[in-house]
């Protein structure tokens, strides 16, 4: 069930809609944290610019995570294939 959730992002009050309120609030906290970190490092930039930079940082981390996930899946698949080959060879060995 979609629910209206009031949040503040970068000092702006918004009403968001979603099914998972905790997930939305966790995401809002992450965006606000990114904006705050950028505000401290880049004091001369406006909130809209900082918001865009925060979005880019989050998107970059997302893509890094997706790439790492792909590498992890490939590694596990390769290891499982090696195990399957080992077990196949072991099953073909005559018993002593």
Protein backbone atom coordinates (compact mmCIF):
# COMPACT_ATOMS: atom_id res chain seq x y z
CA UNK A 1 0.00 0.00 0.00
CA UNK A 2 1.50 3.31 -1.06
CA UNK A 3 1.88 5.73 1.80
CA UNK A 4 2.62 9.48 1.90
CA UNK A 5 5.81 10.18 3.85
CA UNK A 6 6.92 13.71 4.82
CA UNK A 7 10.68 14.20 4.64
CA UNK A 8 13.25 16.99 4.42
CA UNK A 9 16.02 16.69 1.84
CA UNK A 10 18.66 19.38 1.62
CA UNK A 11 16.49 21.70 3.70
CA UNK A 12 13.46 21.26 1.46
CA UNK A 13 10.26 19.67 2.81
CA UNK A 14 8.78 17.05 0.52
CA UNK A 15 6.04 14.47 0.55
CA UNK A 16 7.16 11.20 -0.98
CA UNK A 17 5.06 8.15 -1.72
CA UNK A 18 6.15 4.57 -1.29
CA UNK A 19 5.44 1.19 0.20
CA UNK A 20 8.45 0.95 2.51
CA UNK A 21 8.65 3.95 4.84
CA UNK A 22 11.83 2.76 6.56
CA UNK A 23 13.61 2.31 3.24
CA UNK A 24 12.58 5.80 2.12
CA UNK A 25 13.73 7.36 5.39
CA UNK A 26 17.04 5.48 5.18
CA UNK A 27 17.52 6.77 1.63
CA UNK A 28 16.67 10.33 2.71
CA UNK A 29 19.25 10.07 5.52
CA UNK A 30 21.89 8.96 2.99
CA UNK A 31 21.09 11.82 0.61
CA UNK A 32 21.16 14.35 3.45
CA UNK A 33 24.47 12.95 4.70
CA UNK A 34 25.97 13.30 1.22
CA UNK A 35 24.70 16.88 0.92
CA UNK A 36 26.07 17.78 4.37
CA UNK A 37 29.50 16.31 3.56
CA UNK A 38 29.59 18.27 0.32
CA UNK A 39 28.46 21.47 2.10
CA UNK A 40 31.48 21.22 4.39
CA UNK A 41 33.88 20.57 1.51
CA UNK A 42 32.36 22.94 -1.06
CA UNK A 43 30.94 25.87 0.90
CA UNK A 44 30.68 28.17 -2.12
CA UNK A 45 28.17 25.99 -4.01
CA UNK A 46 24.39 26.30 -3.87
CA UNK A 47 22.09 23.63 -2.45
CA UNK A 48 20.85 22.61 -5.94
CA UNK A 49 24.45 22.10 -7.09
CA UNK A 50 25.29 20.15 -3.93
CA UNK A 51 22.16 18.04 -4.45
CA UNK A 52 23.26 17.16 -7.97
CA UNK A 53 26.75 16.30 -6.77
CA UNK A 54 25.27 14.14 -4.01
CA UNK A 55 23.11 12.34 -6.58
CA UNK A 56 26.17 11.73 -8.74
CA UNK A 57 28.14 10.39 -5.77
CA UNK A 58 25.32 8.03 -4.85
CA UNK A 59 24.92 6.91 -8.47
CA UNK A 60 28.65 6.22 -8.70
CA UNK A 61 28.54 4.12 -5.52
CA UNK A 62 25.51 2.27 -6.91
CA UNK A 63 27.37 1.43 -10.13
CA UNK A 64 30.45 0.35 -8.15
CA UNK A 65 28.21 -1.96 -6.13
CA UNK A 66 26.54 -3.38 -9.26
CA UNK A 67 29.95 -3.98 -10.85
CA UNK A 68 31.25 -5.66 -7.68
CA UNK A 69 28.12 -7.81 -7.52
CA UNK A 70 28.74 -8.95 -11.09
CA UNK A 71 32.34 -9.86 -10.24
CA UNK A 72 31.19 -11.69 -7.10
CA UNK A 73 28.57 -13.69 -9.01
CA UNK A 74 31.11 -14.61 -11.71
CA UNK A 75 33.61 -15.70 -9.04
CA UNK A 76 31.07 -17.85 -7.21
CA UNK A 77 29.87 -19.39 -10.49
CA UNK A 78 33.47 -20.19 -11.45
CA UNK A 79 34.17 -21.76 -8.05
CA UNK A 80 30.98 -23.81 -8.22
CA UNK A 81 31.95 -25.03 -11.68
CA UNK A 82 35.36 -26.10 -10.36
CA UNK A 83 33.69 -27.92 -7.47
CA UNK A 84 31.27 -29.65 -9.82
CA UNK A 85 34.17 -30.78 -12.05
CA UNK A 86 36.08 -32.03 -9.02
CA UNK A 87 33.07 -33.99 -7.76
CA UNK A 88 32.44 -35.38 -11.23
CA UNK A 89 36.05 -36.61 -11.46
CA UNK A 90 35.86 -38.03 -7.93
CA UNK A 91 32.62 -39.87 -8.74
CA UNK A 92 34.26 -41.48 -11.77
CA UNK A 93 37.21 -42.78 -9.75
CA UNK A 94 36.95 -46.50 -8.97
CA UNK A 95 36.55 -47.33 -5.32
CA UNK A 96 39.61 -48.97 -3.70
